[in-house]
mmCIF file of all heavy atoms, coordinates in Angstrom:
data_MODEL
# 
_entry.id   MODEL 
# 
loop_
_atom_site.group_PDB 
_atom_site.id 
_atom_site.type_symbol 
_atom_site.label_atom_id 
_atom_site.label_alt_id 
_atom_site.label_comp_id 
_atom_site.label_asym_id 
_atom_site.label_entity_id 
_atom_site.label_seq_id 
_atom_site.pdbx_PDB_ins_code 
_atom_site.Cartn_x 
_atom_site.Cartn_y 
_atom_site.Cartn_z 
_atom_site.occupancy 
_atom_site.B_iso_or_equiv 
_atom_site.pdbx_formal_charge 
_atom_site.auth_seq_id 
_atom_site.auth_comp_id 
_atom_site.auth_asym_id 
_atom_site.auth_atom_id 
_atom_site.pdbx_PDB_model_num 
ATOM 1   N N   . ASP A 1 1  ? -34.135 -33.942 15.105 1.00 0.00 ? 1  ASP A N   1 
ATOM 2   C CA  . ASP A 1 1  ? -33.964 -33.273 16.398 1.00 0.00 ? 1  ASP A CA  1 
ATOM 3   C C   . ASP A 1 1  ? -32.795 -32.347 16.343 1.00 0.00 ? 1  ASP A C   1 
ATOM 4   O O   . ASP A 1 1  ? -31.628 -32.814 16.063 1.00 0.00 ? 1  ASP A O   1 
ATOM 5   C CB  . ASP A 1 1  ? -33.794 -34.357 17.494 1.00 0.00 ? 1  ASP A CB  1 
ATOM 6   C CG  . ASP A 1 1  ? -33.641 -33.752 18.905 1.00 0.00 ? 1  ASP A CG  1 
ATOM 7   O OD1 . ASP A 1 1  ? -33.700 -32.513 19.006 1.00 0.00 ? 1  ASP A OD1 1 
ATOM 8   O OD2 . ASP A 1 1  ? -33.481 -34.486 19.848 1.00 0.00 ? 1  ASP A OD2 1 
ATOM 9   N N   . PRO A 1 2  ? -32.959 -31.057 16.521 1.00 0.00 ? 2  PRO A N   1 
ATOM 10  C CA  . PRO A 1 2  ? -31.873 -30.135 16.439 1.00 0.00 ? 2  PRO A CA  1 
ATOM 11  C C   . PRO A 1 2  ? -30.690 -30.447 17.363 1.00 0.00 ? 2  PRO A C   1 
ATOM 12  O O   . PRO A 1 2  ? -29.544 -30.139 17.072 1.00 0.00 ? 2  PRO A O   1 
ATOM 13  C CB  . PRO A 1 2  ? -32.458 -28.746 16.816 1.00 0.00 ? 2  PRO A CB  1 
ATOM 14  C CG  . PRO A 1 2  ? -33.908 -28.927 16.718 1.00 0.00 ? 2  PRO A CG  1 
ATOM 15  C CD  . PRO A 1 2  ? -34.216 -30.410 16.863 1.00 0.00 ? 2  PRO A CD  1 
ATOM 16  N N   . ASP A 1 3  ? -30.974 -31.143 18.462 1.00 0.00 ? 3  ASP A N   1 
ATOM 17  C CA  . ASP A 1 3  ? -29.889 -31.486 19.429 1.00 0.00 ? 3  ASP A CA  1 
ATOM 18  C C   . ASP A 1 3  ? -29.024 -32.598 18.888 1.00 0.00 ? 3  ASP A C   1 
ATOM 19  O O   . ASP A 1 3  ? -27.888 -32.791 19.366 1.00 0.00 ? 3  ASP A O   1 
ATOM 20  C CB  . ASP A 1 3  ? -30.499 -31.878 20.777 1.00 0.00 ? 3  ASP A CB  1 
ATOM 21  C CG  . ASP A 1 3  ? -31.254 -30.727 21.423 1.00 0.00 ? 3  ASP A CG  1 
ATOM 22  O OD1 . ASP A 1 3  ? -30.905 -29.555 21.147 1.00 0.00 ? 3  ASP A OD1 1 
ATOM 23  O OD2 . ASP A 1 3  ? -32.201 -30.952 22.162 1.00 0.00 ? 3  ASP A OD2 1 
ATOM 24  N N   . THR A 1 4  ? -29.482 -33.418 17.946 1.00 0.00 ? 4  THR A N   1 
ATOM 25  C CA  . THR A 1 4  ? -28.668 -34.532 17.467 1.00 0.00 ? 4  THR A CA  1 
ATOM 26  C C   . THR A 1 4  ? -28.196 -34.371 16.018 1.00 0.00 ? 4  THR A C   1 
ATOM 27  O O   . THR A 1 4  ? -27.546 -35.250 15.531 1.00 0.00 ? 4  THR A O   1 
ATOM 28  C CB  . THR A 1 4  ? -29.527 -35.833 17.582 1.00 0.00 ? 4  THR A CB  1 
ATOM 29  O OG1 . THR A 1 4  ? -30.645 -35.743 16.747 1.00 0.00 ? 4  THR A OG1 1 
ATOM 30  C CG2 . THR A 1 4  ? -29.940 -36.126 19.011 1.00 0.00 ? 4  THR A CG2 1 
ATOM 31  N N   . VAL A 1 5  ? -28.517 -33.250 15.412 1.00 0.00 ? 5  VAL A N   1 
ATOM 32  C CA  . VAL A 1 5  ? -28.173 -33.057 13.983 1.00 0.00 ? 5  VAL A CA  1 
ATOM 33  C C   . VAL A 1 5  ? -26.637 -33.146 13.823 1.00 0.00 ? 5  VAL A C   1 
ATOM 34  O O   . VAL A 1 5  ? -26.148 -33.844 12.895 1.00 0.00 ? 5  VAL A O   1 
ATOM 35  C CB  . VAL A 1 5  ? -28.692 -31.705 13.442 1.00 0.00 ? 5  VAL A CB  1 
ATOM 36  C CG1 . VAL A 1 5  ? -28.091 -31.403 12.116 1.00 0.00 ? 5  VAL A CG1 1 
ATOM 37  C CG2 . VAL A 1 5  ? -30.235 -31.756 13.345 1.00 0.00 ? 5  VAL A CG2 1 
ATOM 38  N N   . GLU A 1 6  ? -25.878 -32.551 14.686 1.00 0.00 ? 6  GLU A N   1 
ATOM 39  C CA  . GLU A 1 6  ? -24.422 -32.537 14.544 1.00 0.00 ? 6  GLU A CA  1 
ATOM 40  C C   . GLU A 1 6  ? -23.922 -33.969 14.658 1.00 0.00 ? 6  GLU A C   1 
ATOM 41  O O   . GLU A 1 6  ? -23.089 -34.418 13.836 1.00 0.00 ? 6  GLU A O   1 
ATOM 42  C CB  . GLU A 1 6  ? -23.736 -31.677 15.590 1.00 0.00 ? 6  GLU A CB  1 
ATOM 43  C CG  . GLU A 1 6  ? -22.222 -31.681 15.485 1.00 0.00 ? 6  GLU A CG  1 
ATOM 44  C CD  . GLU A 1 6  ? -21.583 -30.793 16.549 1.00 0.00 ? 6  GLU A CD  1 
ATOM 45  O OE1 . GLU A 1 6  ? -22.222 -30.378 17.508 1.00 0.00 ? 6  GLU A OE1 1 
ATOM 46  O OE2 . GLU A 1 6  ? -20.364 -30.550 16.366 1.00 0.00 ? 6  GLU A OE2 1 
ATOM 47  N N   . ARG A 1 7  ? -24.359 -34.672 15.683 1.00 0.00 ? 7  ARG A N   1 
ATOM 48  C CA  . ARG A 1 7  ? -23.887 -36.091 15.894 1.00 0.00 ? 7  ARG A CA  1 
ATOM 49  C C   . ARG A 1 7  ? -24.272 -36.941 14.714 1.00 0.00 ? 7  ARG A C   1 
ATOM 50  O O   . ARG A 1 7  ? -23.488 -37.772 14.241 1.00 0.00 ? 7  ARG A O   1 
ATOM 51  C CB  . ARG A 1 7  ? -24.481 -36.621 17.192 1.00 0.00 ? 7  ARG A CB  1 
ATOM 52  C CG  . ARG A 1 7  ? -24.008 -38.044 17.526 1.00 0.00 ? 7  ARG A CG  1 
ATOM 53  C CD  . ARG A 1 7  ? -24.563 -38.507 18.806 1.00 0.00 ? 7  ARG A CD  1 
ATOM 54  N NE  . ARG A 1 7  ? -24.072 -39.815 19.228 1.00 0.00 ? 7  ARG A NE  1 
ATOM 55  C CZ  . ARG A 1 7  ? -24.602 -40.974 18.917 1.00 0.00 ? 7  ARG A CZ  1 
ATOM 56  N NH1 . ARG A 1 7  ? -25.702 -41.000 18.118 1.00 0.00 ? 7  ARG A NH1 1 
ATOM 57  N NH2 . ARG A 1 7  ? -24.055 -42.083 19.289 1.00 0.00 ? 7  ARG A NH2 1 
ATOM 58  N N   . ASP A 1 8  ? -25.497 -36.769 14.207 1.00 0.00 ? 8  ASP A N   1 
ATOM 59  C CA  . ASP A 1 8  ? -25.935 -37.575 13.073 1.00 0.00 ? 8  ASP A CA  1 
ATOM 60  C C   . ASP A 1 8  ? -25.117 -37.295 11.811 1.00 0.00 ? 8  ASP A C   1 
ATOM 61  O O   . ASP A 1 8  ? -24.809 -38.187 11.017 1.00 0.00 ? 8  ASP A O   1 
ATOM 62  C CB  . ASP A 1 8  ? -27.465 -37.377 12.826 1.00 0.00 ? 8  ASP A CB  1 
ATOM 63  C CG  . ASP A 1 8  ? -28.297 -37.945 13.940 1.00 0.00 ? 8  ASP A CG  1 
ATOM 64  O OD1 . ASP A 1 8  ? -27.799 -38.778 14.711 1.00 0.00 ? 8  ASP A OD1 1 
ATOM 65  O OD2 . ASP A 1 8  ? -29.516 -37.529 14.022 1.00 0.00 ? 8  ASP A OD2 1 
ATOM 66  N N   . LEU A 1 9  ? -24.798 -36.020 11.631 1.00 0.00 ? 9  LEU A N   1 
ATOM 67  C CA  . LEU A 1 9  ? -23.955 -35.651 10.471 1.00 0.00 ? 9  LEU A CA  1 
ATOM 68  C C   . LEU A 1 9  ? -22.545 -36.248 10.604 1.00 0.00 ? 9  LEU A C   1 
ATOM 69  O O   . LEU A 1 9  ? -22.039 -36.826 9.654  1.00 0.00 ? 9  LEU A O   1 
ATOM 70  C CB  . LEU A 1 9  ? -23.886 -34.138 10.339 1.00 0.00 ? 9  LEU A CB  1 
ATOM 71  C CG  . LEU A 1 9  ? -23.062 -33.603 9.178  1.00 0.00 ? 9  LEU A CG  1 
ATOM 72  C CD1 . LEU A 1 9  ? -23.552 -34.093 7.843  1.00 0.00 ? 9  LEU A CD1 1 
ATOM 73  C CD2 . LEU A 1 9  ? -22.993 -32.066 9.233  1.00 0.00 ? 9  LEU A CD2 1 
ATOM 74  N N   . VAL A 1 10 ? -21.998 -36.174 11.792 1.00 0.00 ? 10 VAL A N   1 
ATOM 75  C CA  . VAL A 1 10 ? -20.698 -36.802 12.040 1.00 0.00 ? 10 VAL A CA  1 
ATOM 76  C C   . VAL A 1 10 ? -20.749 -38.276 11.788 1.00 0.00 ? 10 VAL A C   1 
ATOM 77  O O   . VAL A 1 10 ? -19.893 -38.870 11.184 1.00 0.00 ? 10 VAL A O   1 
ATOM 78  C CB  . VAL A 1 10 ? -20.158 -36.477 13.424 1.00 0.00 ? 10 VAL A CB  1 
ATOM 79  C CG1 . VAL A 1 10 ? -19.007 -37.300 13.814 1.00 0.00 ? 10 VAL A CG1 1 
ATOM 80  C CG2 . VAL A 1 10 ? -19.839 -34.971 13.586 1.00 0.00 ? 10 VAL A CG2 1 
ATOM 81  N N   . LYS A 1 11 ? -21.851 -38.887 12.257 1.00 0.00 ? 11 LYS A N   1 
ATOM 82  C CA  . LYS A 1 11 ? -22.033 -40.355 12.040 1.00 0.00 ? 11 LYS A CA  1 
ATOM 83  C C   . LYS A 1 11 ? -21.979 -40.692 10.546 1.00 0.00 ? 11 LYS A C   1 
ATOM 84  O O   . LYS A 1 11 ? -21.362 -41.633 10.073 1.00 0.00 ? 11 LYS A O   1 
ATOM 85  C CB  . LYS A 1 11 ? -23.303 -40.790 12.664 1.00 0.00 ? 11 LYS A CB  1 
ATOM 86  C CG  . LYS A 1 11 ? -23.575 -42.288 12.556 1.00 0.00 ? 11 LYS A CG  1 
ATOM 87  C CD  . LYS A 1 11 ? -24.830 -42.617 13.301 1.00 0.00 ? 11 LYS A CD  1 
ATOM 88  C CE  . LYS A 1 11 ? -25.237 -44.059 13.078 1.00 0.00 ? 11 LYS A CE  1 
ATOM 89  N NZ  . LYS A 1 11 ? -26.477 -44.420 13.767 1.00 0.00 ? 11 LYS A NZ  1 
ATOM 90  N N   . LEU A 1 12 ? -22.746 -39.902 9.751  1.00 0.00 ? 12 LEU A N   1 
ATOM 91  C CA  . LEU A 1 12 ? -22.817 -40.167 8.283  1.00 0.00 ? 12 LEU A CA  1 
ATOM 92  C C   . LEU A 1 12 ? -21.450 -39.945 7.657  1.00 0.00 ? 12 LEU A C   1 
ATOM 93  O O   . LEU A 1 12 ? -20.993 -40.805 6.864  1.00 0.00 ? 12 LEU A O   1 
ATOM 94  C CB  . LEU A 1 12 ? -23.810 -39.181 7.629  1.00 0.00 ? 12 LEU A CB  1 
ATOM 95  C CG  . LEU A 1 12 ? -23.960 -39.290 6.156  1.00 0.00 ? 12 LEU A CG  1 
ATOM 96  C CD1 . LEU A 1 12 ? -24.360 -40.668 5.719  1.00 0.00 ? 12 LEU A CD1 1 
ATOM 97  C CD2 . LEU A 1 12 ? -24.891 -38.234 5.641  1.00 0.00 ? 12 LEU A CD2 1 
ATOM 98  N N   . VAL A 1 13 ? -20.762 -38.874 8.015  1.00 0.00 ? 13 VAL A N   1 
ATOM 99  C CA  . VAL A 1 13 ? -19.427 -38.587 7.410  1.00 0.00 ? 13 VAL A CA  1 
ATOM 100 C C   . VAL A 1 13 ? -18.426 -39.703 7.811  1.00 0.00 ? 13 VAL A C   1 
ATOM 101 O O   . VAL A 1 13 ? -17.704 -40.218 6.942  1.00 0.00 ? 13 VAL A O   1 
ATOM 102 C CB  . VAL A 1 13 ? -18.915 -37.194 7.852  1.00 0.00 ? 13 VAL A CB  1 
ATOM 103 C CG1 . VAL A 1 13 ? -17.448 -36.992 7.446  1.00 0.00 ? 13 VAL A CG1 1 
ATOM 104 C CG2 . VAL A 1 13 ? -19.803 -36.130 7.200  1.00 0.00 ? 13 VAL A CG2 1 
ATOM 105 N N   . LEU A 1 14 ? -18.443 -40.077 9.048  1.00 0.00 ? 14 LEU A N   1 
ATOM 106 C CA  . LEU A 1 14 ? -17.515 -41.171 9.519  1.00 0.00 ? 14 LEU A CA  1 
ATOM 107 C C   . LEU A 1 14 ? -17.878 -42.491 8.840  1.00 0.00 ? 14 LEU A C   1 
ATOM 108 O O   . LEU A 1 14 ? -16.918 -43.284 8.630  1.00 0.00 ? 14 LEU A O   1 
ATOM 109 C CB  . LEU A 1 14 ? -17.554 -41.297 11.055 1.00 0.00 ? 14 LEU A CB  1 
ATOM 110 C CG  . LEU A 1 14 ? -16.930 -40.142 11.809 1.00 0.00 ? 14 LEU A CG  1 
ATOM 111 C CD1 . LEU A 1 14 ? -17.052 -40.399 13.340 1.00 0.00 ? 14 LEU A CD1 1 
ATOM 112 C CD2 . LEU A 1 14 ? -15.509 -39.920 11.431 1.00 0.00 ? 14 LEU A CD2 1 
ATOM 113 N N   . THR A 1 15 ? -19.124 -42.735 8.565  1.00 0.00 ? 15 THR A N   1 
ATOM 114 C CA  . THR A 1 15 ? -19.475 -43.980 7.864  1.00 0.00 ? 15 THR A CA  1 
ATOM 115 C C   . THR A 1 15 ? -18.875 -43.996 6.477  1.00 0.00 ? 15 THR A C   1 
ATOM 116 O O   . THR A 1 15 ? -18.284 -44.994 6.046  1.00 0.00 ? 15 THR A O   1 
ATOM 117 C CB  . THR A 1 15 ? -21.014 -44.102 7.790  1.00 0.00 ? 15 THR A CB  1 
ATOM 118 O OG1 . THR A 1 15 ? -21.552 -44.177 9.125  1.00 0.00 ? 15 THR A OG1 1 
ATOM 119 C CG2 . THR A 1 15 ? -21.481 -45.341 6.989  1.00 0.00 ? 15 THR A CG2 1 
ATOM 120 N N   . VAL A 1 16 ? -18.960 -42.869 5.774  1.00 0.00 ? 16 VAL A N   1 
ATOM 121 C CA  . VAL A 1 16 ? -18.363 -42.777 4.415  1.00 0.00 ? 16 VAL A CA  1 
ATOM 122 C C   . VAL A 1 16 ? -16.847 -42.923 4.508  1.00 0.00 ? 16 VAL A C   1 
ATOM 123 O O   . VAL A 1 16 ? -16.251 -43.658 3.712  1.00 0.00 ? 16 VAL A O   1 
ATOM 124 C CB  . VAL A 1 16 ? -18.818 -41.475 3.723  1.00 0.00 ? 16 VAL A CB  1 
ATOM 125 C CG1 . VAL A 1 16 ? -18.024 -41.267 2.449  1.00 0.00 ? 16 VAL A CG1 1 
ATOM 126 C CG2 . VAL A 1 16 ? -20.289 -41.446 3.496  1.00 0.00 ? 16 VAL A CG2 1 
ATOM 127 N N   . VAL A 1 17 ? -16.251 -42.250 5.481  1.00 0.00 ? 17 VAL A N   1 
ATOM 128 C CA  . VAL A 1 17 ? -14.786 -42.310 5.597  1.00 0.00 ? 17 VAL A CA  1 
ATOM 129 C C   . VAL A 1 17 ? -14.330 -43.792 5.961  1.00 0.00 ? 17 VAL A C   1 
ATOM 130 O O   . VAL A 1 17 ? -13.369 -44.268 5.419  1.00 0.00 ? 17 VAL A O   1 
ATOM 131 C CB  . VAL A 1 17 ? -14.276 -41.323 6.647  1.00 0.00 ? 17 VAL A CB  1 
ATOM 132 C CG1 . VAL A 1 17 ? -12.791 -41.560 6.964  1.00 0.00 ? 17 VAL A CG1 1 
ATOM 133 C CG2 . VAL A 1 17 ? -14.509 -39.908 6.213  1.00 0.00 ? 17 VAL A CG2 1 
ATOM 134 N N   . GLU A 1 18 ? -15.131 -44.449 6.829  1.00 0.00 ? 18 GLU A N   1 
ATOM 135 C CA  . GLU A 1 18 ? -14.787 -45.808 7.202  1.00 0.00 ? 18 GLU A CA  1 
ATOM 136 C C   . GLU A 1 18 ? -14.917 -46.750 5.985  1.00 0.00 ? 18 GLU A C   1 
ATOM 137 O O   . GLU A 1 18 ? -14.061 -47.607 5.775  1.00 0.00 ? 18 GLU A O   1 
ATOM 138 C CB  . GLU A 1 18 ? -15.678 -46.275 8.338  1.00 0.00 ? 18 GLU A CB  1 
ATOM 139 C CG  . GLU A 1 18 ? -15.489 -47.726 8.757  1.00 0.00 ? 18 GLU A CG  1 
ATOM 140 C CD  . GLU A 1 18 ? -14.087 -48.066 9.277  1.00 0.00 ? 18 GLU A CD  1 
ATOM 141 O OE1 . GLU A 1 18 ? -13.311 -47.111 9.603  1.00 0.00 ? 18 GLU A OE1 1 
ATOM 142 O OE2 . GLU A 1 18 ? -13.710 -49.191 9.340  1.00 0.00 ? 18 GLU A OE2 1 
ATOM 143 N N   . LEU A 1 19 ? -15.956 -46.531 5.191  1.00 0.00 ? 19 LEU A N   1 
ATOM 144 C CA  . LEU A 1 19 ? -16.082 -47.358 3.943  1.00 0.00 ? 19 LEU A CA  1 
ATOM 145 C C   . LEU A 1 19 ? -14.873 -47.148 3.081  1.00 0.00 ? 19 LEU A C   1 
ATOM 146 O O   . LEU A 1 19 ? -14.294 -48.131 2.597  1.00 0.00 ? 19 LEU A O   1 
ATOM 147 C CB  . LEU A 1 19 ? -17.352 -46.948 3.218  1.00 0.00 ? 19 LEU A CB  1 
ATOM 148 C CG  . LEU A 1 19 ? -17.614 -47.600 1.852  1.00 0.00 ? 19 LEU A CG  1 
ATOM 149 C CD1 . LEU A 1 19 ? -17.704 -49.144 2.018  1.00 0.00 ? 19 LEU A CD1 1 
ATOM 150 C CD2 . LEU A 1 19 ? -18.792 -47.050 1.187  1.00 0.00 ? 19 LEU A CD2 1 
ATOM 151 N N   . LEU A 1 20 ? -14.452 -45.895 2.862  1.00 0.00 ? 20 LEU A N   1 
ATOM 152 C CA  . LEU A 1 20 ? -13.305 -45.615 2.010  1.00 0.00 ? 20 LEU A CA  1 
ATOM 153 C C   . LEU A 1 20 ? -11.994 -46.197 2.609  1.00 0.00 ? 20 LEU A C   1 
ATOM 154 O O   . LEU A 1 20 ? -11.165 -46.694 1.938  1.00 0.00 ? 20 LEU A O   1 
ATOM 155 C CB  . LEU A 1 20 ? -13.118 -44.130 1.799  1.00 0.00 ? 20 LEU A CB  1 
ATOM 156 C CG  . LEU A 1 20 ? -14.248 -43.497 0.943  1.00 0.00 ? 20 LEU A CG  1 
ATOM 157 C CD1 . LEU A 1 20 ? -14.115 -41.975 0.950  1.00 0.00 ? 20 LEU A CD1 1 
ATOM 158 C CD2 . LEU A 1 20 ? -14.258 -44.060 -0.448 1.00 0.00 ? 20 LEU A CD2 1 
ATOM 159 N N   . ARG A 1 21 ? -11.872 -46.103 3.987  1.00 0.00 ? 21 ARG A N   1 
ATOM 160 C CA  . ARG A 1 21 ? -10.690 -46.640 4.649  1.00 0.00 ? 21 ARG A CA  1 
ATOM 161 C C   . ARG A 1 21 ? -10.601 -48.126 4.424  1.00 0.00 ? 21 ARG A C   1 
ATOM 162 O O   . ARG A 1 21 ? -9.521  -48.678 4.095  1.00 0.00 ? 21 ARG A O   1 
ATOM 163 C CB  . ARG A 1 21 ? -10.751 -46.353 6.137  1.00 0.00 ? 21 ARG A CB  1 
ATOM 164 C CG  . ARG A 1 21 ? -9.476  -46.748 6.891  1.00 0.00 ? 21 ARG A CG  1 
ATOM 165 C CD  . ARG A 1 21 ? -9.643  -46.815 8.348  1.00 0.00 ? 21 ARG A CD  1 
ATOM 166 N NE  . ARG A 1 21 ? -10.562 -47.899 8.804  1.00 0.00 ? 21 ARG A NE  1 
ATOM 167 C CZ  . ARG A 1 21 ? -10.179 -49.160 8.854  1.00 0.00 ? 21 ARG A CZ  1 
ATOM 168 N NH1 . ARG A 1 21 ? -8.981  -49.538 8.485  1.00 0.00 ? 21 ARG A NH1 1 
ATOM 169 N NH2 . ARG A 1 21 ? -11.050 -50.063 9.244  1.00 0.00 ? 21 ARG A NH2 1 
ATOM 170 N N   . GLN A 1 22 ? -11.705 -48.836 4.541  1.00 0.00 ? 22 GLN A N   1 
ATOM 171 C CA  . GLN A 1 22 ? -11.717 -50.262 4.358  1.00 0.00 ? 22 GLN A CA  1 
ATOM 172 C C   . GLN A 1 22 ? -11.378 -50.672 2.938  1.00 0.00 ? 22 GLN A C   1 
ATOM 173 O O   . GLN A 1 22 ? -10.714 -51.623 2.658  1.00 0.00 ? 22 GLN A O   1 
ATOM 174 C CB  . GLN A 1 22 ? -13.005 -50.901 4.791  1.00 0.00 ? 22 GLN A CB  1 
ATOM 175 C CG  . GLN A 1 22 ? -13.209 -50.918 6.287  1.00 0.00 ? 22 GLN A CG  1 
ATOM 176 C CD  . GLN A 1 22 ? -14.451 -51.664 6.750  1.00 0.00 ? 22 GLN A CD  1 
ATOM 177 O OE1 . GLN A 1 22 ? -15.022 -52.450 5.952  1.00 0.00 ? 22 GLN A OE1 1 
ATOM 178 N NE2 . GLN A 1 22 ? -14.882 -51.420 7.961  1.00 0.00 ? 22 GLN A NE2 1 
ATOM 179 N N   . LEU A 1 23 ? -11.887 -49.863 1.938  1.00 0.00 ? 23 LEU A N   1 
ATOM 180 C CA  . LEU A 1 23 ? -11.583 -50.132 0.547  1.00 0.00 ? 23 LEU A CA  1 
ATOM 181 C C   . LEU A 1 23 ? -10.121 -49.924 0.280  1.00 0.00 ? 23 LEU A C   1 
ATOM 182 O O   . LEU A 1 23 ? -9.511  -50.699 -0.424 1.00 0.00 ? 23 LEU A O   1 
ATOM 183 C CB  . LEU A 1 23 ? -12.479 -49.261 -0.331 1.00 0.00 ? 23 LEU A CB  1 
ATOM 184 C CG  . LEU A 1 23 ? -13.954 -49.535 -0.359 1.00 0.00 ? 23 LEU A CG  1 
ATOM 185 C CD1 . LEU A 1 23 ? -14.681 -48.492 -1.137 1.00 0.00 ? 23 LEU A CD1 1 
ATOM 186 C CD2 . LEU A 1 23 ? -14.200 -50.917 -0.974 1.00 0.00 ? 23 LEU A CD2 1 
ATOM 187 N N   . MET A 1 24 ? -9.564  -48.849 0.831  1.00 0.00 ? 24 MET A N   1 
ATOM 188 C CA  . MET A 1 24 ? -8.132  -48.585 0.659  1.00 0.00 ? 24 MET A CA  1 
ATOM 189 C C   . MET A 1 24 ? -7.281  -49.675 1.275  1.00 0.00 ? 24 MET A C   1 
ATOM 190 O O   . MET A 1 24 ? -6.267  -50.072 0.722  1.00 0.00 ? 24 MET A O   1 
ATOM 191 C CB  . MET A 1 24 ? -7.758  -47.204 1.286  1.00 0.00 ? 24 MET A CB  1 
ATOM 192 C CG  . MET A 1 24 ? -8.322  -46.038 0.486  1.00 0.00 ? 24 MET A CG  1 
ATOM 193 S SD  . MET A 1 24 ? -8.137  -44.403 1.309  1.00 0.00 ? 24 MET A SD  1 
ATOM 194 C CE  . MET A 1 24 ? -6.696  -44.528 2.266  1.00 0.00 ? 24 MET A CE  1 
# 
């Protein structure tokens, strides 16, 4: 859905950052 692409991309990026934060 073009209306949710930005939010979904942010969700994916934040998921990766959160994984790295927890590992650190």
